[in-house]
């Protein structure tokens, strides 16, 4: 899907019908025809689009001809029952009079950027638009880390009395999310330091200060991600042991109940056989056997309770 944006004389960003001078081109999961159209119109290598749409692409900078590709990774929540996040690449291509933003998936942060929710800009301000996008991505990582922390807190409450692996698998999914975050954030920190040198794109002193602030946010997010990943790994080890202990407690209760029920059943079975038994003609024998089974069951219950087989 293609969208073209250009600032009018009043500085208001408006959508236009075709590629215009100093326009922003937003490509959202484009097909081959749309890629070919933009590539030919703006003299952009096809490799730049392929790299931007590659799910496994990591943050980097590439230059070819008059085009510069900056690939960053944005966080995205995965739809499903288990809470999980992953990173998705976003390509920012600088050409002579245009800026191209390429993403494989629909990203709310890009839409918010183009609607001015992350700051004012004109369509010809390629570097400013790029920095606003970088800041939006940094904020998205902070928000995602907060949501992951909340999910971990919810799972902590559930897992204390859990006998299943569902919550543990959810923690594993969150840990994988943090691993992908850590990889992307570390690569973006290197990328932003390179951009600050000003060799790949022109960047003024004010923009360098803004990029430096973004770099600080990315570093902080990377540190938080690493700390939470280590903490989550320790939690998974601890809660795996808790689930194992909970299951053992259930097995102890079931074993105790089985013994309590089996022994009286065995006694009753013996006295129900078609063989001669002492006092079988006496009515009191049935009462004695019944009371004996009750007393034996009570004794077993008392013993197992004292041994904590019937309580946790």
C-alpha atoms as a PDB file:
ATOM      1  CA  UNK A   1       0.000   0.000   0.000  1.00  0.00           C
ATOM      2  CA  UNK A   2       1.348   3.396  -1.015  1.00  0.00           C
ATOM      3  CA  UNK A   3       0.687   6.769   0.604  1.00  0.00           C
ATOM      4  CA  UNK A   4       2.195  10.092  -0.468  1.00  0.00           C
ATOM      5  CA  UNK A   5       2.401  13.113   1.837  1.00  0.00           C
ATOM      6  CA  UNK A   6       3.484  16.683   1.124  1.00  0.00           C
ATOM      7  CA  UNK A   7       3.324  19.898   3.128  1.00  0.00           C
ATOM      8  CA  UNK A   8       1.193  22.638   1.600  1.00  0.00           C
ATOM      9  CA  UNK A   9       2.023  26.352   1.601  1.00  0.00           C
ATOM     10  CA  UNK A  10       0.658  26.661   5.142  1.00  0.00           C
ATOM     11  CA  UNK A  11       2.914  23.865   6.350  1.00  0.00           C
ATOM     12  CA  UNK A  12       0.081  21.371   6.816  1.00  0.00           C
ATOM     13  CA  UNK A  13       0.978  17.818   5.841  1.00  0.00           C
ATOM     14  CA  UNK A  14      -1.596  16.500   3.398  1.00  0.00           C
ATOM     15  CA  UNK A  15      -1.954  13.309   1.417  1.00  0.00           C
ATOM     16  CA  UNK A  16      -1.389  13.667  -2.333  1.00  0.00           C
ATOM     17  CA  UNK A  17      -2.174  11.347  -5.203  1.00  0.00           C
ATOM     18  CA  UNK A  18       1.312  10.774  -6.608  1.00  0.00           C
ATOM     19  CA  UNK A  19       5.015  11.215  -5.911  1.00  0.00           C
ATOM     20  CA  UNK A  20       5.643  14.946  -5.665  1.00  0.00           C
ATOM     21  CA  UNK A  21       8.754  17.031  -5.101  1.00  0.00           C
ATOM     22  CA  UNK A  22       9.872  16.967  -1.444  1.00  0.00           C
ATOM     23  CA  UNK A  23       7.192  14.401  -0.604  1.00  0.00           C
ATOM     24  CA  UNK A  24       7.202  11.606   1.964  1.00  0.00           C
ATOM     25  CA  UNK A  25       6.442   8.156   0.572  1.00  0.00           C
ATOM     26  CA  UNK A  26       4.962   5.671   3.038  1.00  0.00           C
ATOM     27  CA  UNK A  27       5.038   2.056   1.834  1.00  0.00           C
ATOM     28  CA  UNK A  28       3.100  -0.430   3.943  1.00  0.00           C
ATOM     29  CA  UNK A  29       3.588  -4.071   2.917  1.00  0.00           C
ATOM     30  CA  UNK A  30       4.000  -3.029  -0.744  1.00  0.00           C
ATOM     31  CA  UNK A  31       3.601  -5.466  -3.608  1.00  0.00           C
ATOM     32  CA  UNK A  32       6.113  -5.935  -6.425  1.00  0.00           C
ATOM     33  CA  UNK A  33       4.385  -3.372  -8.651  1.00  0.00           C
ATOM     34  CA  UNK A  34       4.446  -0.659  -5.995  1.00  0.00           C
ATOM     35  CA  UNK A  35       8.091  -1.352  -5.206  1.00  0.00           C
ATOM     36  CA  UNK A  36       9.031  -1.163  -8.885  1.00  0.00           C
ATOM     37  CA  UNK A  37       7.112   2.096  -9.293  1.00  0.00           C
ATOM     38  CA  UNK A  38       8.856   3.878  -6.421  1.00  0.00           C
ATOM     39  CA  UNK A  39      12.263   2.374  -7.233  1.00  0.00           C
ATOM     40  CA  UNK A  40      12.146   3.619 -10.817  1.00  0.00           C
ATOM     41  CA  UNK A  41      10.731   7.038  -9.941  1.00  0.00           C
ATOM     42  CA  UNK A  42      13.293   7.788  -7.224  1.00  0.00           C
ATOM     43  CA  UNK A  43      16.268   5.715  -8.468  1.00  0.00           C
ATOM     44  CA  UNK A  44      16.355   3.529  -5.358  1.00  0.00           C
ATOM     45  CA  UNK A  45      18.019   0.082  -5.493  1.00  0.00           C
ATOM     46  CA  UNK A  46      15.564  -2.793  -5.190  1.00  0.00           C
ATOM     47  CA  UNK A  47      17.789  -4.321  -2.506  1.00  0.00           C
ATOM     48  CA  UNK A  48      16.842  -1.480  -0.171  1.00  0.00           C
ATOM     49  CA  UNK A  49      13.177  -2.495  -0.307  1.00  0.00           C
ATOM     50  CA  UNK A  50      13.945  -6.191   0.060  1.00  0.00           C
ATOM     51  CA  UNK A  51      16.085  -5.519   3.121  1.00  0.00           C
ATOM     52  CA  UNK A  52      13.423  -3.284   4.674  1.00  0.00           C
ATOM     53  CA  UNK A  53      10.799  -6.019   4.241  1.00  0.00           C
ATOM     54  CA  UNK A  54      12.982  -8.829   5.594  1.00  0.00           C
ATOM     55  CA  UNK A  55      11.586  -9.946   8.971  1.00  0.00           C
ATOM     56  CA  UNK A  56      15.056 -10.795  10.267  1.00  0.00           C
ATOM     57  CA  UNK A  57      16.793  -7.593   9.162  1.00  0.00           C
ATOM     58  CA  UNK A  58      18.767  -5.897  11.940  1.00  0.00           C
ATOM     59  CA  UNK A  59      19.452  -2.148  12.293  1.00  0.00           C
ATOM     60  CA  UNK A  60      22.115  -0.933   9.878  1.00  0.00           C
ATOM     61  CA  UNK A  61      23.026   1.750   7.321  1.00  0.00           C
ATOM     62  CA  UNK A  62      23.679   1.200   3.631  1.00  0.00           C
ATOM     63  CA  UNK A  63      24.454   3.608   0.803  1.00  0.00           C
ATOM     64  CA  UNK A  64      24.230   3.072  -2.922  1.00  0.00           C
ATOM     65  CA  UNK A  65      24.217   5.746  -5.562  1.00  0.00           C
ATOM     66  CA  UNK A  66      22.386   8.758  -4.188  1.00  0.00           C
ATOM     67  CA  UNK A  67      20.241   6.762  -1.754  1.00  0.00           C
ATOM     68  CA  UNK A  68      20.862   6.023   1.911  1.00  0.00           C
ATOM     69  CA  UNK A  69      19.032   3.223   3.717  1.00  0.00           C
ATOM     70  CA  UNK A  70      18.593   3.284   7.493  1.00  0.00           C
ATOM     71  CA  UNK A  71      16.999   0.154   8.942  1.00  0.00           C
ATOM     72  CA  UNK A  72      15.640   0.291  12.490  1.00  0.00           C
ATOM     73  CA  UNK A  73      13.603  -2.242  14.477  1.00  0.00           C
ATOM     74  CA  UNK A  74      10.283  -1.351  16.078  1.00  0.00           C
ATOM     75  CA  UNK A  75       8.547  -3.450  18.758  1.00  0.00           C
ATOM     76  CA  UNK A  76       5.263  -5.111  17.891  1.00  0.00           C
ATOM     77  CA  UNK A  77       2.969  -7.275  19.986  1.00  0.00           C
ATOM     78  CA  UNK A  78       2.137 -10.689  18.551  1.00  0.00           C
ATOM     79  CA  UNK A  79      -1.553 -11.509  18.438  1.00  0.00           C
ATOM     80  CA  UNK A  80      -2.413 -14.694  20.318  1.00  0.00           C
ATOM     81  CA  UNK A  81      -3.251 -16.191  23.692  1.00  0.00           C
ATOM     82  CA  UNK A  82       0.291 -16.008  25.048  1.00  0.00           C
ATOM     83  CA  UNK A  83       1.685 -12.505  25.674  1.00  0.00           C
ATOM     84  CA  UNK A  84       4.656 -11.992  23.364  1.00  0.00           C
ATOM     85  CA  UNK A  85       6.399  -9.261  21.422  1.00  0.00           C
ATOM     86  CA  UNK A  86       8.839  -9.246  18.545  1.00  0.00           C
ATOM     87  CA  UNK A  87      10.679  -6.655  16.496  1.00  0.00           C
ATOM     88  CA  UNK A  88       9.855  -5.699  12.938  1.00  0.00           C
ATOM     89  CA  UNK A  89      12.157  -3.764  10.580  1.00  0.00           C
ATOM     90  CA  UNK A  90      11.358  -0.260   9.364  1.00  0.00           C
ATOM     91  CA  UNK A  91      13.327   1.081   6.422  1.00  0.00           C
ATOM     92  CA  UNK A  92      14.000   4.821   6.142  1.00  0.00           C
ATOM     93  CA  UNK A  93      15.399   5.719   2.717  1.00  0.00           C
ATOM     94  CA  UNK A  94      16.879   9.164   2.075  1.00  0.00           C
ATOM     95  CA  UNK A  95      17.092  10.271  -1.557  1.00  0.00           C
ATOM     96  CA  UNK A  96      17.713  13.672  -3.122  1.00  0.00           C
ATOM     97  CA  UNK A  97      14.303  15.286  -2.604  1.00  0.00           C
ATOM     98  CA  UNK A  98      12.269  12.542  -0.966  1.00  0.00           C
ATOM     99  CA  UNK A  99      11.976  10.418   2.133  1.00  0.00           C
ATOM    100  CA  UNK A 100      10.657   6.859   1.888  1.00  0.00           C
ATOM    101  CA  UNK A 101       9.405   4.903   4.917  1.00  0.00           C
ATOM    102  CA  UNK A 102       9.005   1.164   4.293  1.00  0.00           C
ATOM    103  CA  UNK A 103       7.445  -1.358   6.677  1.00  0.00           C
ATOM    104  CA  UNK A 104       6.210  -4.888   6.229  1.00  0.00           C
ATOM    105  CA  UNK A 105       3.384  -4.441   8.715  1.00  0.00           C
ATOM    106  CA  UNK A 106       1.009  -1.690   9.683  1.00  0.00           C
ATOM    107  CA  UNK A 107       2.612   0.254  12.513  1.00  0.00           C
ATOM    108  CA  UNK A 108       0.592   2.667  14.588  1.00  0.00           C
ATOM    109  CA  UNK A 109       3.669   4.695  15.479  1.00  0.00           C
ATOM    110  CA  UNK A 110       4.302   5.513  11.786  1.00  0.00           C
ATOM    111  CA  UNK A 111       0.691   6.624  11.337  1.00  0.00           C
ATOM    112  CA  UNK A 112       0.957   8.754  14.478  1.00  0.00           C
ATOM    113  CA  UNK A 113       4.172  10.287  13.148  1.00  0.00           C
ATOM    114  CA  UNK A 114       2.615  11.234   9.819  1.00  0.00           C
ATOM    115  CA  UNK A 115      -0.381  12.748  11.611  1.00  0.00           C
ATOM    116  CA  UNK A 116       1.895  15.000  13.668  1.00  0.00           C
ATOM    117  CA  UNK A 117       1.405  13.282  17.034  1.00  0.00           C
ATOM    118  CA  UNK A 118       5.148  13.043  17.671  1.00  0.00           C
ATOM    119  CA  UNK A 119       6.076  16.580  16.623  1.00  0.00           C
ATOM    120  CA  UNK A 120       5.710  19.162  13.866  1.00  0.00           C
ATOM    121  CA  UNK A 121       7.659  18.975  10.628  1.00  0.00           C
ATOM    122  CA  UNK A 122       7.539  19.784   6.933  1.00  0.00           C
ATOM    123  CA  UNK A 123       7.723  17.047   4.324  1.00  0.00           C
ATOM    124  CA  UNK A 124      11.103  18.293   3.066  1.00  0.00           C
ATOM    125  CA  UNK A 125      12.683  17.926   6.544  1.00  0.00           C
ATOM    126  CA  UNK A 126      14.021  14.426   5.969  1.00  0.00           C
ATOM    127  CA  UNK A 127      16.401  14.346   8.921  1.00  0.00           C
ATOM    128  CA  UNK A 128      13.832  15.774  11.348  1.00  0.00           C
ATOM    129  CA  UNK A 129      11.201  13.261  10.240  1.00  0.00           C
ATOM    130  CA  UNK A 130      13.728  10.452  10.698  1.00  0.00           C
ATOM    131  CA  UNK A 131      14.610  11.649  14.207  1.00  0.00           C
ATOM    132  CA  UNK A 132      10.936  11.895  15.155  1.00  0.00           C
ATOM    133  CA  UNK A 133      10.490   8.317  13.955  1.00  0.00           C
ATOM    134  CA  UNK A 134      13.491   7.196  16.012  1.00  0.00           C
ATOM    135  CA  UNK A 135      12.052   8.899  19.101  1.00  0.00           C
ATOM    136  CA  UNK A 136       8.653   7.280  18.512  1.00  0.00           C
ATOM    137  CA  UNK A 137      10.330   3.878  18.302  1.00  0.00           C
ATOM    138  CA  UNK A 138      12.256   4.531  21.534  1.00  0.00           C
ATOM    139  CA  UNK A 139       8.972   5.414  23.249  1.00  0.00           C
ATOM    140  CA  UNK A 140       7.379   2.263  21.832  1.00  0.00           C
ATOM    141  CA  UNK A 141      10.122   0.171  23.449  1.00  0.00           C
ATOM    142  CA  UNK A 142       9.522   1.865  26.805  1.00  0.00           C
ATOM    143  CA  UNK A 143       5.779   1.195  26.550  1.00  0.00           C
ATOM    144  CA  UNK A 144       6.360  -2.426  25.538  1.00  0.00           C
ATOM    145  CA  UNK A 145       8.750  -2.990  28.452  1.00  0.00           C
ATOM    146  CA  UNK A 146       6.129  -1.636  30.862  1.00  0.00           C
ATOM    147  CA  UNK A 147       3.504  -3.972  29.402  1.00  0.00           C
ATOM    148  CA  UNK A 148       5.872  -6.933  29.671  1.00  0.00           C
ATOM    149  CA  UNK A 149       6.536  -6.052  33.312  1.00  0.00           C
ATOM    150  CA  UNK A 150       2.784  -5.996  33.971  1.00  0.00           C
ATOM    151  CA  UNK A 151       2.353  -9.365  32.261  1.00  0.00           C
ATOM    152  CA  UNK A 152       5.120 -10.855  34.400  1.00  0.00           C
ATOM    153  CA  UNK A 153       3.383  -9.576  37.556  1.00  0.00           C
ATOM    154  CA  UNK A 154       0.105 -11.207  36.472  1.00  0.00           C
ATOM    155  CA  UNK A 155       1.850 -14.505  35.730  1.00  0.00           C
ATOM    156  CA  UNK A 156       3.631 -14.398  39.095  1.00  0.00           C
ATOM    157  CA  UNK A 157       0.279 -14.386  40.890  1.00  0.00           C
ATOM    158  CA  UNK A 158      -1.064 -17.258  38.799  1.00  0.00           C
ATOM    159  CA  UNK A 159       1.973 -19.486  38.956  1.00  0.00           C
ATOM    160  CA  UNK A 160       2.148 -19.719  42.770  1.00  0.00           C
ATOM    161  CA  UNK A 161      -0.732 -22.208  42.800  1.00  0.00           C
ATOM    162  CA  UNK A 162      -0.312 -23.584  39.293  1.00  0.00           C
ATOM    163  CA  UNK A 163       0.145 -27.251  38.429  1.00  0.00           C
ATOM    164  CA  UNK A 164       0.410 -26.680  34.681  1.00  0.00           C
ATOM    165  CA  UNK A 165       3.114 -25.436  32.337  1.00  0.00           C
ATOM    166  CA  UNK A 166       0.923 -22.774  30.690  1.00  0.00           C
ATOM    167  CA  UNK A 167       2.227 -19.904  32.809  1.00  0.00           C
ATOM    168  CA  UNK A 168       5.806 -21.123  32.449  1.00  0.00           C
ATOM    169  CA  UNK A 169       5.460 -21.175  28.657  1.00  0.00           C
ATOM    170  CA  UNK A 170       4.116 -17.612  28.831  1.00  0.00           C
ATOM    171  CA  UNK A 171       7.226 -16.560  30.759  1.00  0.00           C
ATOM    172  CA  UNK A 172       9.404 -18.248  28.141  1.00  0.00           C
ATOM    173  CA  UNK A 173       7.594 -16.287  25.404  1.00  0.00           C
ATOM    174  CA  UNK A 174       8.203 -13.031  27.282  1.00  0.00           C
ATOM    175  CA  UNK A 175      11.860 -13.924  27.741  1.00  0.00           C
ATOM    176  CA  UNK A 176      12.206 -14.493  23.986  1.00  0.00           C
ATOM    177  CA  UNK A 177      10.628 -11.065  23.459  1.00  0.00           C
ATOM    178  CA  UNK A 178      13.229  -9.475  25.715  1.00  0.00           C
ATOM    179  CA  UNK A 179      16.035 -11.257  23.866  1.00  0.00           C
ATOM    180  CA  UNK A 180      14.846  -9.814  20.536  1.00  0.00           C
ATOM    181  CA  UNK A 181      14.507  -6.381  22.169  1.00  0.00           C
ATOM    182  CA  UNK A 182      18.045  -6.564  23.535  1.00  0.00           C
ATOM    183  CA  UNK A 183      19.489  -7.483  20.134  1.00  0.00           C
ATOM    184  CA  UNK A 184      17.642  -4.686  18.343  1.00  0.00           C
ATOM    185  CA  UNK A 185      18.379  -2.009  20.947  1.00  0.00           C
ATOM    186  CA  UNK A 186      22.100  -2.782  21.011  1.00  0.00           C
ATOM    187  CA  UNK A 187      22.278  -2.582  17.220  1.00  0.00           C
ATOM    188  CA  UNK A 188      20.320   0.692  17.151  1.00  0.00           C
ATOM    189  CA  UNK A 189      22.633   2.252  19.730  1.00  0.00           C
ATOM    190  CA  UNK A 190      25.571   1.547  17.401  1.00  0.00           C
ATOM    191  CA  UNK A 191      23.558   2.873  14.462  1.00  0.00           C
ATOM    192  CA  UNK A 192      22.699   6.157  16.176  1.00  0.00           C
ATOM    193  CA  UNK A 193      26.300   6.744  17.229  1.00  0.00           C
ATOM    194  CA  UNK A 194      27.299   6.384  13.595  1.00  0.00           C
ATOM    195  CA  UNK A 195      24.576   8.800  12.486  1.00  0.00           C
ATOM    196  CA  UNK A 196      25.827  11.390  14.967  1.00  0.00           C
ATOM    197  CA  UNK A 197      29.124  11.469  13.080  1.00  0.00           C
ATOM    198  CA  UNK A 198      27.232  13.067  10.182  1.00  0.00           C
ATOM    199  CA  UNK A 199      28.956  11.051   7.465  1.00  0.00           C
ATOM    200  CA  UNK A 200      25.882   9.188   6.218  1.00  0.00           C
ATOM    201  CA  UNK A 201      23.257  11.956   6.335  1.00  0.00           C
ATOM    202  CA  UNK A 202      23.559  15.658   6.949  1.00  0.00           C
ATOM    203  CA  UNK A 203      22.774  16.452  10.548  1.00  0.00           C
ATOM    204  CA  UNK A 204      22.932  19.860  12.250  1.00  0.00           C
ATOM    205  CA  UNK A 205      24.002  20.587  15.816  1.00  0.00           C
ATOM    206  CA  UNK A 206      20.423  20.838  17.087  1.00  0.00           C
ATOM    207  CA  UNK A 207      19.564  17.550  15.426  1.00  0.00           C
ATOM    208  CA  UNK A 208      22.695  15.978  16.917  1.00  0.00           C
ATOM    209  CA  UNK A 209      21.476  16.964  20.379  1.00  0.00           C
ATOM    210  CA  UNK A 210      18.099  15.396  19.689  1.00  0.00           C
ATOM    211  CA  UNK A 211      19.742  12.254  18.374  1.00  0.00           C
ATOM    212  CA  UNK A 212      21.941  12.155  21.468  1.00  0.00           C
ATOM    213  CA  UNK A 213      18.816  12.269  23.660  1.00  0.00           C
ATOM    214  CA  UNK A 214      17.304   9.429  21.622  1.00  0.00           C
ATOM    215  CA  UNK A 215      20.535   7.467  22.001  1.00  0.00           C
ATOM    216  CA  UNK A 216      20.325   7.886  25.781  1.00  0.00           C
ATOM    217  CA  UNK A 217      16.729   6.596  25.735  1.00  0.00           C
ATOM    218  CA  UNK A 218      17.781   3.596  23.650  1.00  0.00           C
ATOM    219  CA  UNK A 219      20.686   2.807  25.982  1.00  0.00           C
ATOM    220  CA  UNK A 220      18.410   3.028  29.017  1.00  0.00           C
ATOM    221  CA  UNK A 221      15.872   0.754  27.334  1.00  0.00           C
ATOM    222  CA  UNK A 222      18.668  -1.703  26.509  1.00  0.00           C
ATOM    223  CA  UNK A 223      19.856  -1.736  30.131  1.00  0.00           C
ATOM    224  CA  UNK A 224      16.312  -2.222  31.442  1.00  0.00           C
ATOM    225  CA  UNK A 225      15.738  -4.996  28.915  1.00  0.00           C
ATOM    226  CA  UNK A 226      18.890  -6.813  29.974  1.00  0.00           C
ATOM    227  CA  UNK A 227      18.071  -6.524  33.684  1.00  0.00           C
ATOM    228  CA  UNK A 228      14.527  -7.776  33.192  1.00  0.00           C
ATOM    229  CA  UNK A 229      15.725 -10.601  30.973  1.00  0.00           C
ATOM    230  CA  UNK A 230      18.120 -11.816  33.662  1.00  0.00           C
ATOM    231  CA  UNK A 231      15.429 -11.426  36.313  1.00  0.00           C
ATOM    232  CA  UNK A 232      12.933 -13.324  34.177  1.00  0.00           C
ATOM    233  CA  UNK A 233      15.415 -16.142  33.598  1.00  0.00           C
ATOM    234  CA  UNK A 234      15.846 -16.500  37.360  1.00  0.00           C
ATOM    235  CA  UNK A 235      12.078 -16.387  37.827  1.00  0.00           C
ATOM    236  CA  UNK A 236      11.574 -19.161  35.289  1.00  0.00           C
ATOM    237  CA  UNK A 237      14.049 -21.391  37.104  1.00  0.00           C
ATOM    238  CA  UNK A 238      12.386 -20.684  40.448  1.00  0.00           C
ATOM    239  CA  UNK A 239       8.849 -21.176  39.184  1.00  0.00           C
ATOM    240  CA  UNK A 240       9.746 -24.377  37.365  1.00  0.00           C
ATOM    241  CA  UNK A 241      10.736 -25.714  40.785  1.00  0.00           C
ATOM    242  CA  UNK A 242       7.510 -24.340  42.308  1.00  0.00           C
ATOM    243  CA  UNK A 243       5.368 -26.093  39.700  1.00  0.00           C
ATOM    244  CA  UNK A 244       7.318 -29.299  40.322  1.00  0.00           C
ATOM    245  CA  UNK A 245       6.737 -28.993  44.080  1.00  0.00           C
ATOM    246  CA  UNK A 246       3.040 -28.248  43.584  1.00  0.00           C
ATOM    247  CA  UNK A 247       2.688 -31.338  41.440  1.00  0.00           C
ATOM    248  CA  UNK A 248       4.536 -33.431  44.019  1.00  0.00           C
ATOM    249  CA  UNK A 249       2.129 -32.181  46.692  1.00  0.00           C
ATOM    250  CA  UNK A 250      -0.831 -33.300  44.605  1.00  0.00           C
ATOM    251  CA  UNK A 251       0.753 -36.709  44.060  1.00  0.00           C
ATOM    252  CA  UNK A 252       1.344 -37.088  47.808  1.00  0.00           C
ATOM    253  CA  UNK A 253      -2.309 -36.334  48.544  1.00  0.00           C
ATOM    254  CA  UNK A 254      -3.500 -38.775  45.891  1.00  0.00           C
ATOM    255  CA  UNK A 255      -1.136 -41.481  47.169  1.00  0.00           C
ATOM    256  CA  UNK A 256      -2.318 -41.005  50.753  1.00  0.00           C
ATOM    257  CA  UNK A 257      -5.984 -41.134  49.725  1.00  0.00           C
ATOM    258  CA  UNK A 258      -5.317 -44.275  47.694  1.00  0.00           C
ATOM    259  CA  UNK A 259      -3.752 -46.037  50.701  1.00  0.00           C
ATOM    260  CA  UNK A 260      -6.582 -44.887  52.993  1.00  0.00           C
ATOM    261  CA  UNK A 261      -9.181 -46.308  50.609  1.00  0.00           C
ATOM    262  CA  UNK A 262      -7.345 -49.483  49.544  1.00  0.00           C
ATOM    263  CA  UNK A 263      -6.620 -51.025  52.980  1.00  0.00           C
ATOM    264  CA  UNK A 264     -10.259 -50.988  54.222  1.00  0.00           C
ATOM    265  CA  UNK A 265     -11.310 -52.257  50.818  1.00  0.00           C
ATOM    266  CA  UNK A 266      -8.900 -55.189  51.142  1.00  0.00           C
ATOM    267  CA  UNK A 267     -10.276 -56.061  54.584  1.00  0.00           C
ATOM    268  CA  UNK A 268     -13.833 -55.888  53.310  1.00  0.00           C
ATOM    269  CA  UNK A 269     -12.908 -58.072  50.360  1.00  0.00           C
ATOM    270  CA  UNK A 270     -11.458 -60.758  52.644  1.00  0.00           C
ATOM    271  CA  UNK A 271     -14.628 -60.960  54.730  1.00  0.00           C
ATOM    272  CA  UNK A 272     -16.812 -61.092  51.631  1.00  0.00           C
ATOM    273  CA  UNK A 273     -15.151 -64.247  50.252  1.00  0.00           C
ATOM    274  CA  UNK A 274     -17.046 -67.576  50.141  1.00  0.00           C
ATOM    275  CA  UNK A 275     -14.794 -69.244  52.691  1.00  0.00           C
ATOM    276  CA  UNK A 276     -15.329 -70.111  56.310  1.00  0.00           C
ATOM    277  CA  UNK A 277     -14.398 -67.280  58.682  1.00  0.00           C
ATOM    278  CA  UNK A 278     -14.492 -67.039  62.466  1.00  0.00           C
ATOM    279  CA  UNK A 279     -17.764 -65.714  63.924  1.00  0.00           C
ATOM    280  CA  UNK A 280     -19.290 -65.383  60.473  1.00  0.00           C
ATOM    281  CA  UNK A 281     -22.661 -66.429  61.828  1.00  0.00           C
ATOM    282  CA  UNK A 282     -22.610 -63.734  64.503  1.00  0.00           C
ATOM    283  CA  UNK A 283     -24.245 -60.398  63.652  1.00  0.00           C
ATOM    284  CA  UNK A 284     -21.699 -58.582  65.780  1.00  0.00           C
ATOM    285  CA  UNK A 285     -18.911 -59.592  63.388  1.00  0.00           C
ATOM    286  CA  UNK A 286     -20.206 -57.195  60.725  1.00  0.00           C
ATOM    287  CA  UNK A 287     -20.248 -54.351  63.227  1.00  0.00           C
ATOM    288  CA  UNK A 288     -16.748 -55.178  64.433  1.00  0.00           C
ATOM    289  CA  UNK A 289     -15.370 -55.319  60.886  1.00  0.00           C
ATOM    290  CA  UNK A 290     -17.094 -52.050  59.934  1.00  0.00           C
ATOM    291  CA  UNK A 291     -15.916 -50.221  63.045  1.00  0.00           C
ATOM    292  CA  UNK A 292     -12.419 -51.656  62.565  1.00  0.00           C
ATOM    293  CA  UNK A 293     -12.251 -50.333  59.002  1.00  0.00           C
ATOM    294  CA  UNK A 294     -13.428 -46.897  60.165  1.00  0.00           C
ATOM    295  CA  UNK A 295     -10.854 -46.816  62.958  1.00  0.00           C
ATOM    296  CA  UNK A 296      -8.100 -47.949  60.606  1.00  0.00           C
ATOM    297  CA  UNK A 297      -9.087 -45.280  58.070  1.00  0.00           C
ATOM    298  CA  UNK A 298      -9.141 -42.642  60.814  1.00  0.00           C
ATOM    299  CA  UNK A 299      -5.721 -43.778  62.022  1.00  0.00           C
ATOM    300  CA  UNK A 300      -4.297 -43.577  58.504  1.00  0.00           C
ATOM    301  CA  UNK A 301      -5.803 -40.122  58.007  1.00  0.00           C
ATOM    302  CA  UNK A 302      -4.249 -38.977  61.305  1.00  0.00           C
ATOM    303  CA  UNK A 303      -0.827 -40.382  60.390  1.00  0.00           C
ATOM    304  CA  UNK A 304      -0.838 -38.871  56.882  1.00  0.00           C
ATOM    305  CA  UNK A 305      -2.047 -35.542  58.253  1.00  0.00           C
ATOM    306  CA  UNK A 306       0.768 -35.448  60.780  1.00  0.00           C
ATOM    307  CA  UNK A 307       3.219 -36.330  58.012  1.00  0.00           C
ATOM    308  CA  UNK A 308       1.752 -33.426  55.999  1.00  0.00           C
ATOM    309  CA  UNK A 309       0.678 -35.728  53.197  1.00  0.00           C
ATOM    310  CA  UNK A 310      -2.851 -34.303  53.324  1.00  0.00           C
ATOM    311  CA  UNK A 311      -1.879 -30.645  53.711  1.00  0.00           C
ATOM    312  CA  UNK A 312       0.561 -28.235  52.138  1.00  0.00           C
END
